[in-house]
Amino acid sequence: MAGVQATRTVSAVYTAVQTNVVLVAAPAANQRIVVHWAVLSNGATNAGDMKLLDGAVINVAGPISNTLASPTVVTAGVYVPTGTTVTIAGSNSDPLINGTYVATNINATTFSIPVAVTTAGTAGTIVTASGYGSVLAAALLQVNTPMYFDGSRAPLVLSAATPLCFTSVTATTHRVNVGYSIES
């Protein structure tokens, strides 16, 4: 990398439910984008209303478990947004839930699929065909409070496969501020 080309800030206000809104797009082939800070605030009191995500596609996550229910609830230990296509293999529930489904998100680690299960399962893996993988932070964060991405406060480096995005589950006003630089 030769150096920093530009430092930029993205500021936006959303007033509706949002799914996988890209805040900072993927860099060009000879660049990288480094996110130094990000702030989410929804002005409400509902924890979990917003999540800031990196765009990494989940390759394989496991082991998983699933409940005796209809629809069955799958615990995967990763965030799977509503609408994500998931492929499950290695299930031991009855009936087996092996196959490809469209997930409905429940929380940061669980989602449901439209299968009536009579015996819960304790094994398996998931592979996603689309969607966003890592929850970087959950709201509520206060306006102007910097958010870093790990315990060392290292900035997040985005690649062509990992844009920065956020998702929300309520229609309260969402304020998003992201500071980043472009390097080449």
N, C-alpha and C. Protein backbone atom coordinates (compact mmCIF):
# COMPACT_ATOMS: atom_id res chain seq x y z
N MET A 1 0.83 -1.18 0.00
CA MET A 1 0.00 0.00 0.00
C MET A 1 0.88 1.25 0.00
N ALA A 2 0.59 2.15 -0.91
CA ALA A 2 1.39 3.35 -1.05
C ALA A 2 1.03 4.42 -0.03
N GLY A 3 -0.21 4.46 0.40
CA GLY A 3 -0.60 5.46 1.38
C GLY A 3 -2.08 5.77 1.32
N VAL A 4 -2.48 6.68 2.19
CA VAL A 4 -3.89 7.04 2.29
C VAL A 4 -4.24 8.00 1.18
N GLN A 5 -5.27 7.66 0.40
CA GLN A 5 -5.74 8.53 -0.67
C GLN A 5 -6.75 9.56 -0.17
N ALA A 6 -7.63 9.14 0.74
CA ALA A 6 -8.68 10.04 1.20
C ALA A 6 -9.24 9.53 2.51
N THR A 7 -9.71 10.44 3.33
CA THR A 7 -10.42 10.09 4.55
C THR A 7 -11.84 10.63 4.41
N ARG A 8 -12.82 9.79 4.68
CA ARG A 8 -14.20 10.16 4.42
C ARG A 8 -15.09 9.77 5.60
N THR A 9 -16.25 10.40 5.65
CA THR A 9 -17.27 10.05 6.64
C THR A 9 -18.59 9.84 5.91
N VAL A 10 -19.27 8.76 6.25
CA VAL A 10 -20.62 8.50 5.74
C VAL A 10 -21.59 8.80 6.86
N SER A 11 -22.57 9.65 6.59
CA SER A 11 -23.62 9.94 7.56
C SER A 11 -24.96 9.75 6.88
N ALA A 12 -25.86 9.04 7.55
CA ALA A 12 -27.17 8.79 6.94
C ALA A 12 -28.21 8.62 8.03
N VAL A 13 -29.45 8.93 7.69
CA VAL A 13 -30.59 8.74 8.58
C VAL A 13 -31.61 7.87 7.84
N TYR A 14 -32.04 6.81 8.49
CA TYR A 14 -33.04 5.91 7.92
C TYR A 14 -34.24 5.88 8.84
N THR A 15 -35.44 5.79 8.28
CA THR A 15 -36.65 5.83 9.10
C THR A 15 -37.50 4.57 8.95
N ALA A 16 -36.97 3.56 8.31
CA ALA A 16 -37.72 2.33 8.12
C ALA A 16 -36.83 1.14 8.45
N VAL A 17 -37.44 -0.04 8.52
CA VAL A 17 -36.68 -1.26 8.72
C VAL A 17 -35.70 -1.42 7.55
N GLN A 18 -34.47 -1.76 7.86
CA GLN A 18 -33.43 -1.90 6.85
C GLN A 18 -32.80 -3.28 6.95
N THR A 19 -32.43 -3.84 5.82
CA THR A 19 -31.76 -5.13 5.80
C THR A 19 -30.48 -5.03 4.96
N ASN A 20 -29.35 -5.29 5.59
CA ASN A 20 -28.06 -5.36 4.90
C ASN A 20 -27.80 -4.13 4.04
N VAL A 21 -27.94 -2.95 4.65
CA VAL A 21 -27.65 -1.70 3.95
C VAL A 21 -26.15 -1.50 3.91
N VAL A 22 -25.59 -1.38 2.72
CA VAL A 22 -24.14 -1.21 2.58
C VAL A 22 -23.79 0.24 2.89
N LEU A 23 -22.97 0.45 3.90
CA LEU A 23 -22.54 1.78 4.29
C LEU A 23 -21.24 2.18 3.60
N VAL A 24 -20.32 1.24 3.49
CA VAL A 24 -19.04 1.49 2.84
C VAL A 24 -18.82 0.36 1.85
N ALA A 25 -18.78 0.71 0.57
CA ALA A 25 -18.70 -0.30 -0.48
C ALA A 25 -17.31 -0.90 -0.57
N ALA A 26 -17.22 -1.97 -1.32
CA ALA A 26 -15.93 -2.65 -1.50
C ALA A 26 -14.96 -1.77 -2.26
N PRO A 27 -13.68 -1.85 -1.96
CA PRO A 27 -12.68 -1.04 -2.66
C PRO A 27 -12.38 -1.56 -4.05
N ALA A 28 -11.72 -0.73 -4.83
CA ALA A 28 -11.25 -1.17 -6.15
C ALA A 28 -10.13 -2.19 -5.96
N ALA A 29 -9.74 -2.82 -7.05
CA ALA A 29 -8.77 -3.91 -6.98
C ALA A 29 -7.44 -3.48 -6.37
N ASN A 30 -7.04 -2.23 -6.58
CA ASN A 30 -5.73 -1.78 -6.09
C ASN A 30 -5.85 -0.96 -4.81
N GLN A 31 -6.99 -1.05 -4.13
CA GLN A 31 -7.21 -0.27 -2.93
C GLN A 31 -7.69 -1.15 -1.78
N ARG A 32 -7.71 -0.56 -0.61
CA ARG A 32 -8.41 -1.16 0.50
C ARG A 32 -9.09 -0.03 1.27
N ILE A 33 -10.16 -0.36 1.96
CA ILE A 33 -10.89 0.62 2.77
C ILE A 33 -10.73 0.22 4.23
N VAL A 34 -10.32 1.16 5.04
CA VAL A 34 -10.13 0.91 6.46
C VAL A 34 -11.16 1.74 7.24
N VAL A 35 -12.02 1.06 7.97
CA VAL A 35 -13.01 1.74 8.80
C VAL A 35 -12.41 1.97 10.17
N HIS A 36 -12.34 3.24 10.57
CA HIS A 36 -11.71 3.60 11.84
C HIS A 36 -12.71 3.70 12.98
N TRP A 37 -13.93 4.10 12.69
CA TRP A 37 -14.94 4.20 13.73
C TRP A 37 -16.32 4.16 13.08
N ALA A 38 -17.30 3.82 13.88
CA ALA A 38 -18.68 3.81 13.40
C ALA A 38 -19.60 4.05 14.59
N VAL A 39 -20.70 4.73 14.35
CA VAL A 39 -21.66 5.05 15.40
C VAL A 39 -23.05 4.68 14.90
N LEU A 40 -23.79 3.98 15.72
CA LEU A 40 -25.19 3.69 15.45
C LEU A 40 -26.02 4.23 16.60
N SER A 41 -27.12 4.85 16.28
CA SER A 41 -28.05 5.30 17.32
C SER A 41 -29.45 5.28 16.74
N ASN A 42 -30.39 4.70 17.48
CA ASN A 42 -31.76 4.70 16.96
C ASN A 42 -32.72 5.52 17.81
N GLY A 43 -32.21 6.20 18.81
CA GLY A 43 -33.05 7.09 19.59
C GLY A 43 -34.15 6.39 20.36
N ALA A 44 -34.07 5.09 20.50
CA ALA A 44 -35.10 4.33 21.20
C ALA A 44 -34.46 3.56 22.35
N THR A 45 -35.20 2.66 22.93
CA THR A 45 -34.68 1.92 24.09
C THR A 45 -34.72 0.41 23.86
N ASN A 46 -34.87 -0.01 22.63
CA ASN A 46 -34.98 -1.44 22.34
C ASN A 46 -33.63 -2.01 21.96
N ALA A 47 -32.99 -2.68 22.89
CA ALA A 47 -31.68 -3.27 22.60
C ALA A 47 -31.81 -4.26 21.45
N GLY A 48 -30.82 -4.27 20.60
CA GLY A 48 -30.81 -5.20 19.48
C GLY A 48 -31.53 -4.71 18.25
N ASP A 49 -32.01 -3.45 18.27
CA ASP A 49 -32.73 -2.93 17.11
C ASP A 49 -31.84 -2.80 15.89
N MET A 50 -30.57 -2.55 16.09
CA MET A 50 -29.66 -2.37 14.97
C MET A 50 -28.39 -3.18 15.20
N LYS A 51 -27.83 -3.67 14.11
CA LYS A 51 -26.56 -4.38 14.19
C LYS A 51 -25.67 -3.90 13.06
N LEU A 52 -24.42 -3.67 13.39
CA LEU A 52 -23.43 -3.31 12.36
C LEU A 52 -22.69 -4.59 12.01
N LEU A 53 -22.58 -4.87 10.73
CA LEU A 53 -22.07 -6.15 10.28
C LEU A 53 -20.92 -5.97 9.31
N ASP A 54 -20.03 -6.95 9.24
CA ASP A 54 -19.15 -6.98 8.09
C ASP A 54 -19.82 -7.89 7.05
N GLY A 55 -19.41 -7.78 5.82
CA GLY A 55 -20.11 -8.48 4.75
C GLY A 55 -19.57 -9.86 4.46
N ALA A 56 -18.81 -10.43 5.37
CA ALA A 56 -18.21 -11.72 5.10
C ALA A 56 -19.29 -12.79 4.98
N VAL A 57 -19.28 -13.51 3.89
CA VAL A 57 -20.21 -14.61 3.73
C VAL A 57 -19.80 -15.72 4.68
N ILE A 58 -20.79 -16.29 5.37
CA ILE A 58 -20.49 -17.41 6.26
C ILE A 58 -20.17 -18.61 5.38
N ASN A 59 -19.00 -19.17 5.54
CA ASN A 59 -18.67 -20.34 4.74
C ASN A 59 -19.24 -21.59 5.38
N VAL A 60 -18.76 -21.95 6.55
CA VAL A 60 -19.30 -23.10 7.27
C VAL A 60 -19.37 -22.72 8.74
N ALA A 61 -20.48 -23.01 9.38
CA ALA A 61 -20.61 -22.79 10.81
C ALA A 61 -21.17 -24.06 11.44
N GLY A 62 -20.64 -24.42 12.57
CA GLY A 62 -21.12 -25.62 13.23
C GLY A 62 -20.32 -25.87 14.48
N PRO A 63 -20.75 -26.76 15.36
CA PRO A 63 -21.95 -27.57 15.18
C PRO A 63 -23.22 -26.74 15.44
N ILE A 64 -24.33 -27.22 14.91
CA ILE A 64 -25.60 -26.56 15.13
C ILE A 64 -26.51 -27.48 15.95
N SER A 65 -27.58 -26.92 16.46
CA SER A 65 -28.63 -27.71 17.08
C SER A 65 -29.96 -27.14 16.62
N ASN A 66 -31.03 -27.93 16.75
CA ASN A 66 -32.35 -27.43 16.38
C ASN A 66 -33.41 -28.01 17.31
N THR A 67 -34.50 -27.26 17.45
CA THR A 67 -35.52 -27.57 18.44
C THR A 67 -36.60 -28.50 17.90
N LEU A 68 -37.33 -29.09 18.83
CA LEU A 68 -38.56 -29.80 18.52
C LEU A 68 -39.64 -28.73 18.41
N ALA A 69 -39.96 -28.33 17.19
CA ALA A 69 -40.92 -27.25 16.98
C ALA A 69 -41.28 -27.18 15.50
N SER A 70 -42.32 -26.41 15.23
CA SER A 70 -42.70 -26.12 13.85
C SER A 70 -43.06 -24.64 13.74
N PRO A 71 -42.21 -23.83 13.11
CA PRO A 71 -40.95 -24.20 12.45
C PRO A 71 -39.85 -24.48 13.48
N THR A 72 -38.87 -25.27 13.09
CA THR A 72 -37.77 -25.56 14.00
C THR A 72 -36.84 -24.35 14.10
N VAL A 73 -36.27 -24.16 15.28
CA VAL A 73 -35.33 -23.07 15.53
C VAL A 73 -33.92 -23.66 15.57
N VAL A 74 -33.05 -23.08 14.74
CA VAL A 74 -31.67 -23.56 14.61
C VAL A 74 -30.74 -22.62 15.35
N THR A 75 -29.93 -23.17 16.23
CA THR A 75 -28.88 -22.40 16.91
C THR A 75 -27.57 -22.69 16.22
N ALA A 76 -26.96 -21.62 15.68
CA ALA A 76 -25.75 -21.82 14.89
C ALA A 76 -24.55 -21.07 15.45
N GLY A 77 -24.76 -20.16 16.42
CA GLY A 77 -23.66 -19.41 16.98
C GLY A 77 -23.15 -18.29 16.10
N VAL A 78 -23.85 -18.02 14.99
CA VAL A 78 -23.51 -16.92 14.11
C VAL A 78 -24.79 -16.20 13.73
N TYR A 79 -24.66 -14.95 13.29
CA TYR A 79 -25.82 -14.16 12.90
C TYR A 79 -26.21 -14.48 11.46
N VAL A 80 -27.45 -14.88 11.26
CA VAL A 80 -27.98 -15.17 9.93
C VAL A 80 -29.20 -14.29 9.70
N PRO A 81 -29.11 -13.27 8.85
CA PRO A 81 -30.23 -12.38 8.63
C PRO A 81 -31.42 -13.06 7.94
N THR A 82 -32.61 -12.55 8.16
CA THR A 82 -33.79 -13.02 7.45
C THR A 82 -33.57 -12.90 5.95
N GLY A 83 -33.95 -13.96 5.23
CA GLY A 83 -33.79 -13.97 3.78
C GLY A 83 -32.52 -14.64 3.30
N THR A 84 -31.62 -14.96 4.23
CA THR A 84 -30.38 -15.64 3.85
C THR A 84 -30.68 -17.09 3.47
N THR A 85 -30.09 -17.55 2.39
CA THR A 85 -30.22 -18.95 2.00
C THR A 85 -29.18 -19.78 2.74
N VAL A 86 -29.65 -20.78 3.48
CA VAL A 86 -28.73 -21.63 4.24
C VAL A 86 -28.87 -23.08 3.78
N THR A 87 -27.74 -23.77 3.73
CA THR A 87 -27.73 -25.19 3.42
C THR A 87 -27.25 -25.93 4.65
N ILE A 88 -28.05 -26.88 5.10
CA ILE A 88 -27.76 -27.64 6.33
C ILE A 88 -27.35 -29.05 5.94
N ALA A 89 -26.30 -29.54 6.60
CA ALA A 89 -25.83 -30.91 6.37
C ALA A 89 -25.51 -31.54 7.72
N GLY A 90 -25.60 -32.84 7.80
CA GLY A 90 -25.19 -33.57 9.00
C GLY A 90 -26.19 -33.53 10.13
N SER A 91 -27.44 -33.21 9.86
CA SER A 91 -28.46 -33.14 10.91
C SER A 91 -28.74 -34.52 11.48
N ASN A 92 -29.12 -34.56 12.78
CA ASN A 92 -29.55 -35.82 13.38
C ASN A 92 -30.94 -35.70 14.01
N SER A 93 -31.69 -34.67 13.61
CA SER A 93 -33.05 -34.53 14.12
C SER A 93 -33.99 -35.47 13.37
N ASP A 94 -35.24 -35.54 13.83
CA ASP A 94 -36.26 -36.32 13.14
C ASP A 94 -37.47 -35.43 12.87
N PRO A 95 -37.77 -35.18 11.60
CA PRO A 95 -37.01 -35.61 10.43
C PRO A 95 -35.70 -34.85 10.30
N LEU A 96 -34.81 -35.36 9.47
CA LEU A 96 -33.57 -34.65 9.20
C LEU A 96 -33.89 -33.31 8.55
N ILE A 97 -33.11 -32.28 8.88
CA ILE A 97 -33.33 -30.97 8.27
C ILE A 97 -32.26 -30.65 7.22
N ASN A 98 -31.57 -31.68 6.75
CA ASN A 98 -30.58 -31.47 5.69
C ASN A 98 -31.27 -30.91 4.45
N GLY A 99 -30.65 -29.91 3.85
CA GLY A 99 -31.23 -29.30 2.66
C GLY A 99 -31.00 -27.81 2.65
N THR A 100 -31.63 -27.12 1.71
CA THR A 100 -31.46 -25.68 1.55
C THR A 100 -32.77 -24.98 1.88
N TYR A 101 -32.66 -23.92 2.70
CA TYR A 101 -33.84 -23.19 3.17
C TYR A 101 -33.56 -21.69 3.16
N VAL A 102 -34.63 -20.91 3.25
CA VAL A 102 -34.50 -19.47 3.48
C VAL A 102 -34.74 -19.23 4.96
N ALA A 103 -33.77 -18.61 5.62
CA ALA A 103 -33.80 -18.44 7.08
C ALA A 103 -34.65 -17.24 7.48
N THR A 104 -35.26 -17.35 8.66
CA THR A 104 -35.93 -16.22 9.31
C THR A 104 -35.18 -15.94 10.59
N ASN A 105 -34.57 -14.77 10.70
CA ASN A 105 -33.75 -14.45 11.88
C ASN A 105 -34.60 -14.34 13.13
N ILE A 106 -34.06 -14.83 14.23
CA ILE A 106 -34.69 -14.68 15.55
C ILE A 106 -33.85 -13.77 16.42
N ASN A 107 -32.56 -14.04 16.50
CA ASN A 107 -31.64 -13.17 17.24
C ASN A 107 -30.23 -13.38 16.71
N ALA A 108 -29.24 -12.95 17.49
CA ALA A 108 -27.86 -12.96 17.00
C ALA A 108 -27.30 -14.35 16.74
N THR A 109 -27.90 -15.40 17.31
CA THR A 109 -27.34 -16.75 17.14
C THR A 109 -28.35 -17.78 16.66
N THR A 110 -29.61 -17.39 16.47
CA THR A 110 -30.61 -18.37 16.06
C THR A 110 -31.46 -17.87 14.89
N PHE A 111 -31.98 -18.83 14.15
CA PHE A 111 -32.91 -18.54 13.05
C PHE A 111 -33.85 -19.73 12.93
N SER A 112 -34.95 -19.53 12.22
CA SER A 112 -35.89 -20.63 12.02
C SER A 112 -35.94 -21.01 10.54
N ILE A 113 -36.34 -22.27 10.30
CA ILE A 113 -36.59 -22.74 8.94
C ILE A 113 -37.94 -23.47 8.97
N PRO A 114 -38.64 -23.52 7.84
CA PRO A 114 -40.01 -24.06 7.83
C PRO A 114 -40.06 -25.59 7.78
N VAL A 115 -39.64 -26.21 8.89
CA VAL A 115 -39.70 -27.66 9.00
C VAL A 115 -40.30 -28.01 10.35
N ALA A 116 -41.24 -28.95 10.37
CA ALA A 116 -41.83 -29.44 11.62
C ALA A 116 -40.97 -30.60 12.12
N VAL A 117 -40.31 -30.39 13.25
CA VAL A 117 -39.39 -31.39 13.79
C VAL A 117 -40.03 -32.06 15.00
N THR A 118 -39.96 -33.39 15.05
CA THR A 118 -40.55 -34.15 16.16
C THR A 118 -39.52 -34.62 17.17
N THR A 119 -38.24 -34.68 16.77
CA THR A 119 -37.15 -34.98 17.69
C THR A 119 -36.04 -33.97 17.44
N ALA A 120 -35.66 -33.25 18.48
CA ALA A 120 -34.65 -32.19 18.34
C ALA A 120 -33.32 -32.75 17.88
N GLY A 121 -32.53 -31.90 17.24
CA GLY A 121 -31.22 -32.32 16.75
C GLY A 121 -30.09 -31.64 17.49
N THR A 122 -28.94 -32.31 17.52
CA THR A 122 -27.75 -31.79 18.22
C THR A 122 -26.51 -31.78 17.34
N ALA A 123 -26.68 -31.95 16.04
CA ALA A 123 -25.52 -32.05 15.15
C ALA A 123 -25.82 -31.38 13.82
N GLY A 124 -24.75 -31.06 13.10
CA GLY A 124 -24.89 -30.52 11.76
C GLY A 124 -24.06 -29.28 11.56
N THR A 125 -24.01 -28.81 10.31
CA THR A 125 -23.34 -27.57 9.95
C THR A 125 -24.25 -26.79 9.01
N ILE A 126 -23.96 -25.48 8.89
CA ILE A 126 -24.66 -24.68 7.90
C ILE A 126 -23.66 -24.01 6.98
N VAL A 127 -24.07 -23.82 5.75
CA VAL A 127 -23.32 -23.04 4.78
C VAL A 127 -24.30 -22.02 4.22
N THR A 128 -23.89 -20.76 4.14
CA THR A 128 -24.79 -19.76 3.57
C THR A 128 -24.40 -19.46 2.14
N ALA A 129 -25.44 -19.22 1.32
CA ALA A 129 -25.22 -18.86 -0.07
C ALA A 129 -25.21 -17.35 -0.24
N SER A 130 -25.73 -16.64 0.73
CA SER A 130 -25.74 -15.18 0.67
C SER A 130 -25.88 -14.66 2.08
N GLY A 131 -25.74 -13.34 2.25
CA GLY A 131 -25.96 -12.77 3.56
C GLY A 131 -24.69 -12.30 4.21
N TYR A 132 -24.81 -11.89 5.45
CA TYR A 132 -23.72 -11.26 6.17
C TYR A 132 -23.43 -12.05 7.43
N GLY A 133 -22.14 -12.17 7.75
CA GLY A 133 -21.75 -13.14 8.74
C GLY A 133 -21.47 -12.67 10.13
N SER A 134 -20.74 -11.61 10.32
CA SER A 134 -20.23 -11.28 11.65
C SER A 134 -20.94 -10.06 12.22
N VAL A 135 -21.48 -10.21 13.42
CA VAL A 135 -22.07 -9.06 14.09
C VAL A 135 -20.94 -8.30 14.75
N LEU A 136 -20.66 -7.10 14.27
CA LEU A 136 -19.58 -6.30 14.84
C LEU A 136 -20.03 -5.58 16.09
N ALA A 137 -21.27 -5.16 16.12
CA ALA A 137 -21.79 -4.47 17.30
C ALA A 137 -23.29 -4.43 17.24
N ALA A 138 -23.90 -4.45 18.39
CA ALA A 138 -25.35 -4.29 18.46
C ALA A 138 -25.65 -2.96 19.12
N ALA A 139 -26.65 -2.27 18.61
CA ALA A 139 -27.09 -1.03 19.26
C ALA A 139 -27.67 -1.42 20.62
N LEU A 140 -27.79 -0.57 21.57
CA LEU A 140 -27.82 0.87 21.29
C LEU A 140 -26.48 1.51 21.61
N LEU A 141 -25.93 2.24 20.64
CA LEU A 141 -24.75 3.04 20.85
C LEU A 141 -25.15 4.50 20.80
N GLN A 142 -24.55 5.30 21.63
CA GLN A 142 -24.91 6.72 21.67
C GLN A 142 -24.28 7.47 20.51
N VAL A 143 -24.94 8.51 20.06
CA VAL A 143 -24.38 9.36 19.02
C VAL A 143 -23.03 9.90 19.47
N ASN A 144 -22.07 9.90 18.55
CA ASN A 144 -20.72 10.42 18.77
C ASN A 144 -19.89 9.54 19.70
N THR A 145 -20.32 8.32 19.93
CA THR A 145 -19.51 7.38 20.69
C THR A 145 -18.76 6.48 19.70
N PRO A 146 -17.44 6.55 19.65
CA PRO A 146 -16.72 5.71 18.69
C PRO A 146 -16.93 4.23 18.99
N MET A 147 -17.01 3.44 17.97
CA MET A 147 -17.12 2.00 18.12
C MET A 147 -15.97 1.35 17.38
N TYR A 148 -15.22 0.53 18.09
CA TYR A 148 -14.11 -0.18 17.46
C TYR A 148 -14.50 -1.64 17.34
N PHE A 149 -13.70 -2.39 16.61
CA PHE A 149 -14.17 -3.68 16.17
C PHE A 149 -13.58 -4.87 16.92
N ASP A 150 -12.65 -4.63 17.79
CA ASP A 150 -12.21 -5.72 18.64
C ASP A 150 -11.56 -5.12 19.88
N GLY A 151 -11.10 -5.97 20.78
CA GLY A 151 -10.57 -5.50 22.05
C GLY A 151 -9.34 -4.62 21.92
N SER A 152 -8.59 -4.79 20.81
CA SER A 152 -7.39 -3.98 20.62
C SER A 152 -7.71 -2.64 19.94
N ARG A 153 -8.96 -2.44 19.61
CA ARG A 153 -9.41 -1.24 18.90
C ARG A 153 -8.77 -1.09 17.54
N ALA A 154 -8.43 -2.21 16.93
CA ALA A 154 -7.88 -2.17 15.58
C ALA A 154 -8.99 -1.82 14.60
N PRO A 155 -8.68 -1.00 13.58
CA PRO A 155 -9.70 -0.69 12.58
C PRO A 155 -10.05 -1.91 11.74
N LEU A 156 -11.21 -1.88 11.15
CA LEU A 156 -11.67 -2.97 10.29
C LEU A 156 -11.24 -2.70 8.86
N VAL A 157 -10.55 -3.65 8.24
CA VAL A 157 -10.12 -3.52 6.85
C VAL A 157 -11.12 -4.26 5.97
N LEU A 158 -11.71 -3.53 5.02
CA LEU A 158 -12.70 -4.12 4.14
C LEU A 158 -12.04 -4.60 2.85
N SER A 159 -12.58 -5.66 2.30
CA SER A 159 -12.09 -6.19 1.03
C SER A 159 -13.24 -6.23 0.04
N ALA A 160 -12.95 -6.69 -1.16
CA ALA A 160 -13.99 -6.76 -2.19
C ALA A 160 -15.15 -7.65 -1.75
N ALA A 161 -14.88 -8.63 -0.90
CA ALA A 161 -15.93 -9.54 -0.46
C ALA A 161 -16.59 -9.11 0.84
N THR A 162 -16.07 -8.07 1.48
CA THR A 162 -16.59 -7.72 2.80
C THR A 162 -16.89 -6.23 2.93
N PRO A 163 -18.00 -5.77 2.34
CA PRO A 163 -18.42 -4.40 2.59
C PRO A 163 -18.94 -4.26 4.01
N LEU A 164 -19.01 -3.03 4.49
CA LEU A 164 -19.58 -2.76 5.81
C LEU A 164 -21.05 -2.43 5.64
N CYS A 165 -21.90 -3.05 6.44
CA CYS A 165 -23.32 -2.79 6.30
C CYS A 165 -23.98 -2.83 7.68
N PHE A 166 -25.24 -2.40 7.73
CA PHE A 166 -26.00 -2.56 8.96
C PHE A 166 -27.38 -3.11 8.63
N THR A 167 -28.02 -3.68 9.63
CA THR A 167 -29.38 -4.15 9.50
C THR A 167 -30.16 -3.72 10.72
N SER A 168 -31.45 -3.49 10.56
CA SER A 168 -32.29 -3.08 11.69
C SER A 168 -33.60 -3.85 11.63
N VAL A 169 -34.27 -3.95 12.77
CA VAL A 169 -35.51 -4.72 12.82
C VAL A 169 -36.71 -3.86 13.18
N THR A 170 -36.51 -2.59 13.48
CA THR A 170 -37.63 -1.71 13.79
C THR A 170 -37.60 -0.49 12.88
N ALA A 171 -38.71 0.23 12.87
CA ALA A 171 -38.84 1.39 11.98
C ALA A 171 -38.57 2.70 12.70
N THR A 172 -37.93 2.64 13.86
CA THR A 172 -37.54 3.89 14.51
C THR A 172 -36.44 4.56 13.70
N THR A 173 -36.19 5.82 13.95
CA THR A 173 -35.17 6.55 13.19
C THR A 173 -33.78 6.03 13.52
N HIS A 174 -33.03 5.70 12.50
CA HIS A 174 -31.67 5.17 12.66
C HIS A 174 -30.68 6.20 12.15
N ARG A 175 -29.73 6.57 12.98
CA ARG A 175 -28.68 7.49 12.58
C ARG A 175 -27.37 6.70 12.50
N VAL A 176 -26.70 6.81 11.38
CA VAL A 176 -25.49 6.03 11.14
C VAL A 176 -24.37 6.95 10.72
N ASN A 177 -23.24 6.85 11.37
CA ASN A 177 -22.04 7.62 11.01
C ASN A 177 -20.85 6.66 10.94
N VAL A 178 -20.12 6.71 9.86
CA VAL A 178 -18.97 5.82 9.69
C VAL A 178 -17.80 6.66 9.17
N GLY A 179 -16.64 6.53 9.80
CA GLY A 179 -15.43 7.19 9.34
C GLY A 179 -14.48 6.17 8.74
N TYR A 180 -13.98 6.45 7.55
CA TYR A 180 -13.09 5.47 6.91
C TYR A 180 -12.08 6.19 6.01
N SER A 181 -11.02 5.46 5.66
CA SER A 181 -10.03 5.98 4.73
C SER A 181 -9.83 4.98 3.60
N ILE A 182 -9.41 5.51 2.45
CA ILE A 182 -9.12 4.69 1.28
C ILE A 182 -7.61 4.67 1.10
N GLU A 183 -7.04 3.49 1.03
CA GLU A 183 -5.61 3.33 0.88
C GLU A 183 -5.29 2.61 -0.42
N SER A 184 -4.13 2.93 -0.99
CA SER A 184 -3.71 2.21 -2.20
C SER A 184 -2.22 1.99 -2.16
